[in-house]
């Protein structure tokens, strides 16, 4: 996975609550096997009308908004446990999703796929939306090392939580196997020391 330390970028607001995984990636698109292709159908039924024409009212189709940070409403990623939802968001180009609450399974799937879910208070989330309304090119800074998100124009910051293991993996660009490989020498030393102790006790 790509390493993640600090990201400063513009953001796309999706001020809708209770966005479930079927809205993120409709079930009819789950047959694909290539993760990269899922981005094309992210929010498919909202981004396009019944004639497959872009919906100009949907934020992702608004040319004034861009960036690799998606700012979403409360309770994002609820519904089914499909991992494809995280695949679709990441494949579209987003690296961070900000919300005041994430479904636990969606949060886990995101972290497993290098997509950082940043959970903030409802007040801070509302302030991000207000900043983006005032300036569509507002920069948001996400500092994973210090677990802090900042609205650049106001300097307002908030701490966010993340599982320490997943934080280590994202900073180093590790998946679970990469992490184990990185600990190989430590594992060997532990096994050698254990064998030496066992031999000593036997003597």
N, C-alpha and C. Protein backbone atom coordinates (compact mmCIF):
# COMPACT_ATOMS: atom_id res chain seq x y z
N UNK A 1 0.84 -1.20 0.00
CA UNK A 1 0.00 0.00 0.00
C UNK A 1 0.87 1.25 0.00
N UNK A 2 0.28 2.35 -0.41
CA UNK A 2 0.97 3.64 -0.41
C UNK A 2 1.15 4.15 1.02
N UNK A 3 2.33 4.70 1.31
CA UNK A 3 2.58 5.24 2.64
C UNK A 3 1.73 6.49 2.85
N UNK A 4 1.28 6.68 4.08
CA UNK A 4 0.49 7.87 4.43
C UNK A 4 1.09 8.49 5.69
N UNK A 5 1.49 9.74 5.57
CA UNK A 5 1.99 10.45 6.75
C UNK A 5 1.17 11.72 6.97
N UNK A 6 1.32 12.68 6.04
CA UNK A 6 0.56 13.93 6.12
C UNK A 6 -0.01 14.27 4.74
N UNK A 7 -1.25 14.68 4.72
CA UNK A 7 -1.90 15.07 3.48
C UNK A 7 -2.56 16.43 3.65
N UNK A 8 -2.23 17.36 2.75
CA UNK A 8 -2.91 18.66 2.70
C UNK A 8 -3.52 18.79 1.31
N UNK A 9 -4.84 18.91 1.25
CA UNK A 9 -5.49 18.93 -0.05
C UNK A 9 -6.87 19.58 0.08
N UNK A 10 -7.45 19.89 -1.08
CA UNK A 10 -8.83 20.36 -1.11
C UNK A 10 -9.75 19.16 -0.86
N UNK A 11 -11.03 19.44 -0.66
CA UNK A 11 -11.96 18.38 -0.27
C UNK A 11 -13.28 18.49 -1.03
N UNK A 12 -13.96 17.35 -1.09
CA UNK A 12 -15.28 17.30 -1.72
C UNK A 12 -16.33 17.05 -0.63
N UNK A 13 -17.32 17.94 -0.49
CA UNK A 13 -18.33 17.76 0.56
C UNK A 13 -19.49 16.87 0.09
N UNK A 14 -19.85 15.93 0.93
CA UNK A 14 -21.02 15.08 0.68
C UNK A 14 -21.87 15.15 1.94
N UNK A 15 -22.63 16.23 2.05
CA UNK A 15 -23.38 16.52 3.28
C UNK A 15 -24.69 15.72 3.30
N UNK A 16 -24.54 14.42 3.37
CA UNK A 16 -25.68 13.50 3.41
C UNK A 16 -25.44 12.50 4.54
N UNK A 17 -26.42 12.30 5.39
CA UNK A 17 -26.27 11.36 6.50
C UNK A 17 -26.72 9.96 6.09
N UNK A 18 -26.23 8.97 6.85
CA UNK A 18 -26.65 7.57 6.69
C UNK A 18 -26.38 7.03 5.28
N UNK A 19 -25.24 7.37 4.73
CA UNK A 19 -24.87 6.85 3.41
C UNK A 19 -24.44 5.39 3.59
N UNK A 20 -25.20 4.47 2.99
CA UNK A 20 -24.86 3.06 3.17
C UNK A 20 -24.01 2.53 2.02
N UNK A 21 -23.52 1.32 2.20
CA UNK A 21 -22.56 0.77 1.23
C UNK A 21 -23.21 0.50 -0.13
N UNK A 22 -24.53 0.31 -0.16
CA UNK A 22 -25.18 0.09 -1.45
C UNK A 22 -25.28 1.39 -2.23
N UNK A 23 -25.30 2.51 -1.53
CA UNK A 23 -25.26 3.81 -2.21
C UNK A 23 -23.84 4.14 -2.66
N UNK A 24 -22.87 3.68 -1.87
CA UNK A 24 -21.47 3.91 -2.24
C UNK A 24 -21.12 3.12 -3.49
N UNK A 25 -21.47 1.83 -3.51
CA UNK A 25 -21.24 1.01 -4.70
C UNK A 25 -22.42 0.04 -4.83
N UNK A 26 -23.34 0.29 -5.76
CA UNK A 26 -24.53 -0.54 -5.91
C UNK A 26 -24.19 -2.01 -6.14
N UNK A 27 -25.06 -2.89 -5.64
CA UNK A 27 -24.81 -4.34 -5.65
C UNK A 27 -24.57 -4.89 -7.06
N UNK A 28 -25.18 -4.28 -8.06
CA UNK A 28 -25.05 -4.82 -9.42
C UNK A 28 -23.63 -4.71 -9.98
N UNK A 29 -22.77 -3.93 -9.30
CA UNK A 29 -21.40 -3.77 -9.79
C UNK A 29 -20.39 -4.61 -9.01
N UNK A 30 -20.86 -5.51 -8.16
CA UNK A 30 -19.94 -6.24 -7.29
C UNK A 30 -19.28 -7.44 -7.96
N UNK A 31 -19.63 -7.73 -9.20
CA UNK A 31 -19.07 -8.90 -9.87
C UNK A 31 -17.65 -8.67 -10.37
N UNK A 32 -17.25 -7.43 -10.50
CA UNK A 32 -15.90 -7.12 -10.99
C UNK A 32 -14.85 -7.62 -10.01
N UNK A 33 -13.69 -7.98 -10.53
CA UNK A 33 -12.62 -8.52 -9.68
C UNK A 33 -11.44 -7.57 -9.55
N UNK A 34 -11.38 -6.55 -10.40
CA UNK A 34 -10.28 -5.60 -10.37
C UNK A 34 -10.67 -4.40 -9.50
N UNK A 35 -9.95 -4.18 -8.41
CA UNK A 35 -10.27 -3.09 -7.50
C UNK A 35 -10.28 -1.74 -8.21
N UNK A 36 -9.37 -1.57 -9.16
CA UNK A 36 -9.22 -0.28 -9.82
C UNK A 36 -10.49 0.14 -10.56
N UNK A 37 -11.27 -0.81 -11.04
CA UNK A 37 -12.45 -0.50 -11.83
C UNK A 37 -13.64 -0.01 -11.02
N UNK A 38 -13.59 -0.20 -9.72
CA UNK A 38 -14.75 0.15 -8.90
C UNK A 38 -14.96 1.66 -8.79
N UNK A 39 -13.92 2.44 -8.97
CA UNK A 39 -14.04 3.89 -8.86
C UNK A 39 -15.00 4.47 -9.88
N UNK A 40 -15.12 3.82 -11.03
CA UNK A 40 -16.00 4.32 -12.09
C UNK A 40 -17.46 4.31 -11.65
N UNK A 41 -17.79 3.42 -10.72
CA UNK A 41 -19.18 3.28 -10.30
C UNK A 41 -19.44 3.75 -8.88
N UNK A 42 -18.52 4.53 -8.32
CA UNK A 42 -18.72 5.11 -7.01
C UNK A 42 -19.95 6.03 -7.02
N UNK A 43 -20.87 5.83 -6.08
CA UNK A 43 -22.11 6.61 -6.00
C UNK A 43 -22.83 6.65 -7.36
N UNK A 44 -22.81 5.54 -8.04
CA UNK A 44 -23.31 5.49 -9.42
C UNK A 44 -24.73 6.05 -9.57
N UNK A 45 -25.61 5.66 -8.67
CA UNK A 45 -27.01 6.07 -8.82
C UNK A 45 -27.26 7.50 -8.40
N UNK A 46 -26.28 8.13 -7.80
CA UNK A 46 -26.37 9.55 -7.46
C UNK A 46 -25.61 10.41 -8.46
N UNK A 47 -24.50 9.87 -8.95
CA UNK A 47 -23.67 10.64 -9.91
C UNK A 47 -24.30 10.71 -11.29
N UNK A 48 -25.12 9.70 -11.64
CA UNK A 48 -25.70 9.64 -12.98
C UNK A 48 -27.21 9.44 -12.90
N UNK A 49 -27.92 9.96 -13.91
CA UNK A 49 -29.36 9.74 -13.96
C UNK A 49 -29.66 8.43 -14.67
N UNK A 50 -30.92 8.16 -14.91
CA UNK A 50 -31.33 6.90 -15.53
C UNK A 50 -30.83 6.75 -16.96
N UNK A 51 -30.43 7.85 -17.57
CA UNK A 51 -29.90 7.82 -18.94
C UNK A 51 -28.38 7.85 -18.95
N UNK A 52 -27.78 7.60 -17.78
CA UNK A 52 -26.32 7.58 -17.62
C UNK A 52 -25.67 8.93 -17.91
N UNK A 53 -26.42 9.99 -17.70
CA UNK A 53 -25.86 11.33 -17.84
C UNK A 53 -25.51 11.87 -16.46
N UNK A 54 -24.37 12.56 -16.34
CA UNK A 54 -23.96 13.08 -15.02
C UNK A 54 -25.01 13.99 -14.41
N UNK A 55 -25.25 13.79 -13.12
CA UNK A 55 -26.19 14.62 -12.37
C UNK A 55 -25.45 15.87 -11.91
N UNK A 56 -25.77 17.03 -12.46
CA UNK A 56 -25.01 18.25 -12.12
C UNK A 56 -25.20 18.70 -10.67
N UNK A 57 -26.24 18.17 -10.00
CA UNK A 57 -26.51 18.56 -8.62
C UNK A 57 -25.66 17.78 -7.62
N UNK A 58 -25.05 16.70 -8.07
CA UNK A 58 -24.29 15.86 -7.14
C UNK A 58 -22.89 16.44 -6.95
N UNK A 59 -22.42 16.54 -5.69
CA UNK A 59 -21.14 17.22 -5.40
C UNK A 59 -19.94 16.69 -6.19
N UNK A 60 -19.87 15.39 -6.43
CA UNK A 60 -18.71 14.85 -7.14
C UNK A 60 -18.69 15.30 -8.60
N UNK A 61 -19.81 15.78 -9.10
CA UNK A 61 -19.88 16.29 -10.48
C UNK A 61 -19.73 17.81 -10.53
N UNK A 62 -19.55 18.44 -9.38
CA UNK A 62 -19.39 19.89 -9.33
C UNK A 62 -17.93 20.24 -9.61
N UNK A 63 -17.65 20.93 -10.73
CA UNK A 63 -16.25 21.23 -11.09
C UNK A 63 -15.55 22.15 -10.11
N UNK A 64 -16.31 22.79 -9.22
CA UNK A 64 -15.70 23.69 -8.24
C UNK A 64 -15.02 22.92 -7.11
N UNK A 65 -15.41 21.65 -6.95
CA UNK A 65 -14.83 20.83 -5.89
C UNK A 65 -13.88 19.79 -6.47
N UNK A 66 -12.80 19.55 -5.75
CA UNK A 66 -11.83 18.54 -6.17
C UNK A 66 -11.01 18.14 -4.95
N UNK A 67 -10.12 17.18 -5.13
CA UNK A 67 -9.23 16.80 -4.05
C UNK A 67 -9.38 15.35 -3.65
N UNK A 68 -8.50 14.92 -2.76
CA UNK A 68 -8.45 13.51 -2.35
C UNK A 68 -9.05 13.28 -0.97
N UNK A 69 -9.80 14.27 -0.47
CA UNK A 69 -10.46 14.15 0.83
C UNK A 69 -11.97 14.25 0.62
N UNK A 70 -12.70 13.23 1.08
CA UNK A 70 -14.16 13.23 1.01
C UNK A 70 -14.70 13.56 2.40
N UNK A 71 -15.50 14.62 2.49
CA UNK A 71 -16.09 15.01 3.77
C UNK A 71 -17.56 14.60 3.73
N UNK A 72 -17.93 13.62 4.55
CA UNK A 72 -19.26 13.02 4.48
C UNK A 72 -20.06 13.29 5.74
N UNK A 73 -21.38 13.09 5.64
CA UNK A 73 -22.27 13.28 6.77
C UNK A 73 -22.15 12.16 7.79
N UNK A 74 -22.91 12.30 8.86
CA UNK A 74 -22.87 11.35 9.97
C UNK A 74 -23.31 9.94 9.54
N UNK A 75 -22.74 8.93 10.19
CA UNK A 75 -23.07 7.52 9.97
C UNK A 75 -22.76 7.08 8.54
N UNK A 76 -21.54 7.29 8.13
CA UNK A 76 -21.11 6.94 6.77
C UNK A 76 -20.66 5.48 6.73
N UNK A 77 -21.06 4.78 5.66
CA UNK A 77 -20.62 3.39 5.47
C UNK A 77 -21.45 2.37 6.20
N UNK A 78 -22.68 2.73 6.55
CA UNK A 78 -23.56 1.77 7.24
C UNK A 78 -24.10 0.76 6.21
N UNK A 79 -24.90 -0.19 6.69
CA UNK A 79 -25.46 -1.19 5.78
C UNK A 79 -24.62 -2.44 5.72
N UNK A 80 -24.52 -3.04 4.54
CA UNK A 80 -23.83 -4.31 4.38
C UNK A 80 -22.33 -4.15 4.62
N UNK A 81 -21.66 -5.30 4.78
CA UNK A 81 -20.23 -5.28 5.13
C UNK A 81 -19.32 -5.29 3.90
N UNK A 82 -19.85 -5.08 2.72
CA UNK A 82 -19.06 -5.22 1.49
C UNK A 82 -17.80 -4.36 1.50
N UNK A 83 -16.66 -5.03 1.28
CA UNK A 83 -15.37 -4.34 1.22
C UNK A 83 -15.26 -3.48 -0.03
N UNK A 84 -16.09 -3.80 -1.01
CA UNK A 84 -16.05 -3.08 -2.28
C UNK A 84 -16.29 -1.58 -2.10
N UNK A 85 -16.99 -1.20 -1.02
CA UNK A 85 -17.26 0.22 -0.78
C UNK A 85 -15.95 0.98 -0.58
N UNK A 86 -15.06 0.40 0.23
CA UNK A 86 -13.75 1.03 0.44
C UNK A 86 -12.94 1.00 -0.85
N UNK A 87 -13.03 -0.10 -1.60
CA UNK A 87 -12.31 -0.19 -2.88
C UNK A 87 -12.74 0.95 -3.81
N UNK A 88 -14.06 1.17 -3.90
CA UNK A 88 -14.58 2.16 -4.84
C UNK A 88 -14.11 3.57 -4.47
N UNK A 89 -14.17 3.90 -3.19
CA UNK A 89 -13.75 5.24 -2.75
C UNK A 89 -12.26 5.45 -3.03
N UNK A 90 -11.46 4.43 -2.71
CA UNK A 90 -10.01 4.54 -2.93
C UNK A 90 -9.69 4.60 -4.43
N UNK A 91 -10.37 3.77 -5.22
CA UNK A 91 -10.10 3.74 -6.65
C UNK A 91 -10.50 5.03 -7.34
N UNK A 92 -11.49 5.73 -6.79
CA UNK A 92 -11.91 7.01 -7.37
C UNK A 92 -10.84 8.08 -7.17
N UNK A 93 -10.03 7.90 -6.15
CA UNK A 93 -8.95 8.85 -5.90
C UNK A 93 -8.93 9.47 -4.52
N UNK A 94 -9.88 9.09 -3.69
CA UNK A 94 -9.90 9.62 -2.33
C UNK A 94 -8.91 8.85 -1.44
N UNK A 95 -8.23 9.57 -0.58
CA UNK A 95 -7.29 8.96 0.36
C UNK A 95 -7.79 9.05 1.81
N UNK A 96 -8.71 9.98 2.04
CA UNK A 96 -9.25 10.22 3.38
C UNK A 96 -10.75 10.42 3.28
N UNK A 97 -11.48 9.86 4.24
CA UNK A 97 -12.90 10.15 4.39
C UNK A 97 -13.10 10.71 5.80
N UNK A 98 -13.77 11.84 5.89
CA UNK A 98 -14.02 12.49 7.18
C UNK A 98 -15.51 12.40 7.48
N UNK A 99 -15.85 12.00 8.70
CA UNK A 99 -17.25 11.95 9.12
C UNK A 99 -17.30 12.05 10.63
N UNK A 100 -18.50 12.27 11.16
CA UNK A 100 -18.66 12.30 12.62
C UNK A 100 -18.93 10.90 13.17
N UNK A 101 -19.21 9.94 12.27
CA UNK A 101 -19.37 8.54 12.70
C UNK A 101 -19.27 7.62 11.49
N UNK A 102 -18.52 6.51 11.67
CA UNK A 102 -18.40 5.48 10.64
C UNK A 102 -18.93 4.16 11.18
N UNK A 103 -19.54 3.38 10.32
CA UNK A 103 -19.87 2.00 10.68
C UNK A 103 -18.56 1.26 10.92
N UNK A 104 -18.52 0.42 11.96
CA UNK A 104 -17.27 -0.24 12.35
C UNK A 104 -16.67 -1.09 11.24
N UNK A 105 -17.51 -1.85 10.54
CA UNK A 105 -16.99 -2.73 9.49
C UNK A 105 -16.42 -1.90 8.34
N UNK A 106 -17.11 -0.83 7.98
CA UNK A 106 -16.59 0.04 6.92
C UNK A 106 -15.25 0.63 7.34
N UNK A 107 -15.14 1.05 8.59
CA UNK A 107 -13.88 1.63 9.08
C UNK A 107 -12.75 0.61 8.96
N UNK A 108 -13.02 -0.63 9.36
CA UNK A 108 -12.00 -1.67 9.27
C UNK A 108 -11.61 -1.97 7.83
N UNK A 109 -12.59 -2.06 6.94
CA UNK A 109 -12.31 -2.31 5.53
C UNK A 109 -11.49 -1.18 4.92
N UNK A 110 -11.78 0.05 5.32
CA UNK A 110 -11.04 1.20 4.80
C UNK A 110 -9.57 1.13 5.21
N UNK A 111 -9.33 0.90 6.49
CA UNK A 111 -7.95 0.83 6.99
C UNK A 111 -7.19 -0.32 6.34
N UNK A 112 -7.87 -1.42 6.05
CA UNK A 112 -7.21 -2.56 5.41
C UNK A 112 -6.83 -2.27 3.96
N UNK A 113 -7.42 -1.22 3.39
CA UNK A 113 -7.18 -0.91 1.98
C UNK A 113 -6.50 0.45 1.78
N UNK A 114 -5.91 0.97 2.85
CA UNK A 114 -5.14 2.21 2.72
C UNK A 114 -5.98 3.47 2.60
N UNK A 115 -7.25 3.39 3.02
CA UNK A 115 -8.14 4.55 3.02
C UNK A 115 -8.32 4.97 4.47
N UNK A 116 -7.97 6.22 4.79
CA UNK A 116 -7.98 6.67 6.18
C UNK A 116 -9.33 7.27 6.56
N UNK A 117 -10.07 6.64 7.49
CA UNK A 117 -11.30 7.22 8.01
C UNK A 117 -10.99 8.10 9.21
N UNK A 118 -11.33 9.36 9.12
CA UNK A 118 -11.05 10.32 10.20
C UNK A 118 -12.38 10.71 10.84
N UNK A 119 -12.57 10.26 12.08
CA UNK A 119 -13.81 10.55 12.78
C UNK A 119 -13.63 11.77 13.68
N UNK A 120 -14.50 12.75 13.47
CA UNK A 120 -14.43 14.01 14.22
C UNK A 120 -15.76 14.28 14.91
N UNK A 121 -15.81 15.30 15.73
CA UNK A 121 -17.07 15.68 16.37
C UNK A 121 -18.02 16.26 15.33
N UNK A 122 -19.31 16.24 15.64
CA UNK A 122 -20.29 16.81 14.71
C UNK A 122 -20.04 18.30 14.51
N UNK A 123 -19.63 18.98 15.57
CA UNK A 123 -19.35 20.41 15.48
C UNK A 123 -18.20 20.70 14.52
N UNK A 124 -17.13 19.90 14.63
CA UNK A 124 -15.99 20.12 13.75
C UNK A 124 -16.36 19.78 12.31
N UNK A 125 -17.14 18.73 12.13
CA UNK A 125 -17.59 18.36 10.78
C UNK A 125 -18.41 19.49 10.17
N UNK A 126 -19.31 20.06 10.95
CA UNK A 126 -20.13 21.17 10.46
C UNK A 126 -19.25 22.35 10.05
N UNK A 127 -18.18 22.57 10.80
CA UNK A 127 -17.27 23.68 10.48
C UNK A 127 -16.51 23.43 9.18
N UNK A 128 -16.19 22.17 8.90
CA UNK A 128 -15.54 21.86 7.62
C UNK A 128 -16.51 22.15 6.47
N UNK A 129 -17.76 21.72 6.63
CA UNK A 129 -18.77 21.98 5.59
C UNK A 129 -18.94 23.49 5.37
N UNK A 130 -18.96 24.25 6.44
CA UNK A 130 -19.09 25.71 6.31
C UNK A 130 -17.90 26.31 5.60
N UNK A 131 -16.70 25.82 5.92
CA UNK A 131 -15.49 26.32 5.28
C UNK A 131 -15.51 26.02 3.78
N UNK A 132 -16.00 24.84 3.41
CA UNK A 132 -16.06 24.46 2.00
C UNK A 132 -17.14 25.23 1.26
N UNK A 133 -18.20 25.63 1.96
CA UNK A 133 -19.22 26.46 1.34
C UNK A 133 -18.67 27.86 1.05
N UNK A 134 -17.84 28.35 1.96
CA UNK A 134 -17.26 29.69 1.80
C UNK A 134 -16.17 29.70 0.74
N UNK A 135 -15.42 28.61 0.68
CA UNK A 135 -14.30 28.52 -0.26
C UNK A 135 -14.18 27.09 -0.74
N UNK A 136 -14.57 26.84 -1.99
CA UNK A 136 -14.55 25.47 -2.52
C UNK A 136 -13.13 24.92 -2.63
N UNK A 137 -12.13 25.80 -2.54
CA UNK A 137 -10.73 25.37 -2.62
C UNK A 137 -10.07 25.36 -1.24
N UNK A 138 -10.87 25.32 -0.20
CA UNK A 138 -10.36 25.25 1.17
C UNK A 138 -9.46 24.02 1.33
N UNK A 139 -8.30 24.22 1.94
CA UNK A 139 -7.39 23.12 2.21
C UNK A 139 -7.66 22.51 3.59
N UNK A 140 -7.61 21.20 3.63
CA UNK A 140 -7.72 20.47 4.88
C UNK A 140 -6.44 19.65 5.04
N UNK A 141 -5.85 19.73 6.22
CA UNK A 141 -4.61 19.01 6.50
C UNK A 141 -4.89 17.83 7.42
N UNK A 142 -4.43 16.66 7.03
CA UNK A 142 -4.57 15.46 7.84
C UNK A 142 -3.18 14.95 8.20
N UNK A 143 -2.87 15.01 9.47
CA UNK A 143 -1.56 14.60 9.99
C UNK A 143 -1.74 13.29 10.74
N UNK A 144 -1.39 12.18 10.10
CA UNK A 144 -1.61 10.87 10.71
C UNK A 144 -0.67 10.64 11.88
N UNK A 145 0.58 11.07 11.77
CA UNK A 145 1.54 10.84 12.85
C UNK A 145 1.04 11.44 14.15
N UNK A 146 0.54 12.67 14.09
CA UNK A 146 0.05 13.35 15.30
C UNK A 146 -1.45 13.19 15.50
N UNK A 147 -2.09 12.46 14.56
CA UNK A 147 -3.53 12.18 14.63
C UNK A 147 -4.33 13.47 14.79
N UNK A 148 -4.12 14.37 13.83
CA UNK A 148 -4.74 15.68 13.91
C UNK A 148 -5.22 16.12 12.53
N UNK A 149 -6.41 16.70 12.49
CA UNK A 149 -6.96 17.25 11.25
C UNK A 149 -7.19 18.74 11.45
N UNK A 150 -6.85 19.53 10.42
CA UNK A 150 -6.88 20.99 10.55
C UNK A 150 -7.56 21.63 9.35
N UNK A 151 -8.42 22.62 9.63
CA UNK A 151 -8.98 23.47 8.58
C UNK A 151 -7.98 24.59 8.38
N UNK A 152 -7.33 24.63 7.24
CA UNK A 152 -6.18 25.53 7.04
C UNK A 152 -6.52 27.01 7.21
N UNK A 153 -7.66 27.46 6.71
CA UNK A 153 -7.96 28.89 6.73
C UNK A 153 -8.22 29.42 8.14
N UNK A 154 -8.77 28.58 9.00
CA UNK A 154 -9.09 29.01 10.36
C UNK A 154 -8.08 28.53 11.39
N UNK A 155 -7.33 27.50 11.02
CA UNK A 155 -6.38 26.92 11.97
C UNK A 155 -7.03 26.02 13.00
N UNK A 156 -8.34 25.82 12.88
CA UNK A 156 -9.04 24.95 13.84
C UNK A 156 -8.63 23.50 13.63
N UNK A 157 -8.25 22.84 14.71
CA UNK A 157 -7.78 21.45 14.62
C UNK A 157 -8.54 20.56 15.58
N UNK A 158 -8.50 19.28 15.28
CA UNK A 158 -9.08 18.30 16.20
C UNK A 158 -8.30 17.00 16.12
N UNK A 159 -8.13 16.38 17.27
CA UNK A 159 -7.46 15.08 17.36
C UNK A 159 -8.43 13.99 16.91
N UNK A 160 -7.90 12.95 16.26
CA UNK A 160 -8.75 11.81 15.90
C UNK A 160 -8.07 10.52 16.34
N UNK A 161 -8.87 9.51 16.61
CA UNK A 161 -8.36 8.22 17.08
C UNK A 161 -8.13 7.27 15.91
N UNK A 162 -7.17 6.35 16.10
CA UNK A 162 -6.93 5.29 15.13
C UNK A 162 -6.25 4.14 15.86
N UNK A 163 -6.56 2.93 15.45
CA UNK A 163 -5.91 1.76 16.04
C UNK A 163 -4.40 1.87 15.82
N UNK A 164 -3.59 1.70 16.88
CA UNK A 164 -2.12 1.87 16.76
C UNK A 164 -1.50 0.95 15.71
N UNK A 165 -1.98 -0.27 15.62
CA UNK A 165 -1.44 -1.20 14.62
C UNK A 165 -1.73 -0.70 13.21
N UNK A 166 -2.97 -0.27 12.96
CA UNK A 166 -3.33 0.23 11.64
C UNK A 166 -2.58 1.52 11.31
N UNK A 167 -2.33 2.33 12.32
CA UNK A 167 -1.56 3.55 12.12
C UNK A 167 -0.15 3.21 11.65
N UNK A 168 0.48 2.25 12.30
CA UNK A 168 1.82 1.81 11.90
C UNK A 168 1.82 1.30 10.48
N UNK A 169 0.80 0.51 10.13
CA UNK A 169 0.72 -0.05 8.78
C UNK A 169 0.57 1.06 7.74
N UNK A 170 -0.28 2.06 8.00
CA UNK A 170 -0.51 3.11 7.02
C UNK A 170 0.72 4.00 6.85
N UNK A 171 1.37 4.33 7.94
CA UNK A 171 2.57 5.18 7.86
C UNK A 171 3.67 4.51 7.06
N UNK A 172 3.77 3.18 7.19
CA UNK A 172 4.83 2.43 6.50
C UNK A 172 4.39 1.83 5.17
N UNK A 173 3.10 1.95 4.85
CA UNK A 173 2.60 1.36 3.61
C UNK A 173 2.52 -0.15 3.67
N UNK A 174 2.25 -0.69 4.86
CA UNK A 174 2.19 -2.14 5.06
C UNK A 174 0.76 -2.66 4.98
N UNK A 175 0.62 -3.86 4.38
CA UNK A 175 -0.58 -4.63 4.66
C UNK A 175 -0.20 -5.62 5.77
N UNK A 176 -1.09 -6.53 6.13
CA UNK A 176 -0.81 -7.42 7.26
C UNK A 176 0.43 -8.29 7.02
N UNK A 177 0.59 -8.77 5.79
CA UNK A 177 1.74 -9.62 5.47
C UNK A 177 3.03 -8.82 5.50
N UNK A 178 2.99 -7.61 4.96
CA UNK A 178 4.18 -6.74 4.99
C UNK A 178 4.62 -6.49 6.42
N UNK A 179 3.65 -6.28 7.31
CA UNK A 179 3.98 -6.02 8.71
C UNK A 179 4.69 -7.21 9.33
N UNK A 180 4.20 -8.42 9.05
CA UNK A 180 4.84 -9.63 9.59
C UNK A 180 6.26 -9.79 9.05
N UNK A 181 6.42 -9.50 7.75
CA UNK A 181 7.75 -9.60 7.14
C UNK A 181 8.71 -8.61 7.79
N UNK A 182 8.19 -7.42 8.12
CA UNK A 182 9.04 -6.39 8.74
C UNK A 182 9.51 -6.83 10.13
N UNK A 183 8.81 -7.77 10.74
CA UNK A 183 9.15 -8.24 12.07
C UNK A 183 9.90 -9.57 12.04
N UNK A 184 10.32 -10.00 10.87
CA UNK A 184 10.92 -11.32 10.71
C UNK A 184 12.17 -11.51 11.56
N UNK A 185 13.06 -10.52 11.56
CA UNK A 185 14.28 -10.64 12.35
C UNK A 185 13.98 -10.72 13.84
N UNK A 186 13.02 -9.94 14.29
CA UNK A 186 12.63 -9.98 15.70
C UNK A 186 12.05 -11.34 16.06
N UNK A 187 11.27 -11.90 15.14
CA UNK A 187 10.69 -13.23 15.37
C UNK A 187 11.78 -14.29 15.46
N UNK A 188 12.77 -14.19 14.55
CA UNK A 188 13.87 -15.15 14.56
C UNK A 188 14.65 -15.07 15.87
N UNK A 189 14.93 -13.85 16.33
CA UNK A 189 15.66 -13.67 17.59
C UNK A 189 14.88 -14.25 18.75
N UNK A 190 13.58 -14.02 18.75
CA UNK A 190 12.74 -14.56 19.83
C UNK A 190 12.77 -16.08 19.83
N UNK A 191 12.66 -16.68 18.64
CA UNK A 191 12.67 -18.14 18.54
C UNK A 191 14.02 -18.71 18.96
N UNK A 192 15.10 -18.04 18.56
CA UNK A 192 16.44 -18.51 18.94
C UNK A 192 16.63 -18.45 20.46
N UNK A 193 16.20 -17.33 21.07
CA UNK A 193 16.33 -17.18 22.51
C UNK A 193 15.48 -18.22 23.25
N UNK A 194 14.33 -18.51 22.70
CA UNK A 194 13.45 -19.50 23.33
C UNK A 194 14.08 -20.88 23.26
N UNK A 195 14.71 -21.19 22.11
CA UNK A 195 15.36 -22.49 21.97
C UNK A 195 16.56 -22.62 22.89
N UNK A 196 17.32 -21.53 23.05
CA UNK A 196 18.49 -21.55 23.93
C UNK A 196 18.05 -21.80 25.37
N UNK A 197 16.98 -21.12 25.80
CA UNK A 197 16.45 -21.30 27.16
C UNK A 197 15.97 -22.72 27.38
N UNK A 198 15.30 -23.27 26.35
CA UNK A 198 14.80 -24.64 26.46
C UNK A 198 15.94 -25.64 26.59
N UNK A 199 17.01 -25.41 25.83
CA UNK A 199 18.18 -26.29 25.90
C UNK A 199 18.85 -26.20 27.26
N UNK A 200 18.93 -24.98 27.78
CA UNK A 200 19.56 -24.78 29.09
C UNK A 200 18.79 -25.49 30.19
N UNK A 201 17.48 -25.42 30.12
CA UNK A 201 16.64 -26.09 31.12
C UNK A 201 16.81 -27.60 31.00
N UNK A 202 16.93 -28.10 29.79
CA UNK A 202 17.10 -29.53 29.57
C UNK A 202 18.41 -30.04 30.14
N UNK A 203 19.46 -29.21 30.03
CA UNK A 203 20.77 -29.60 30.57
C UNK A 203 20.70 -29.64 32.10
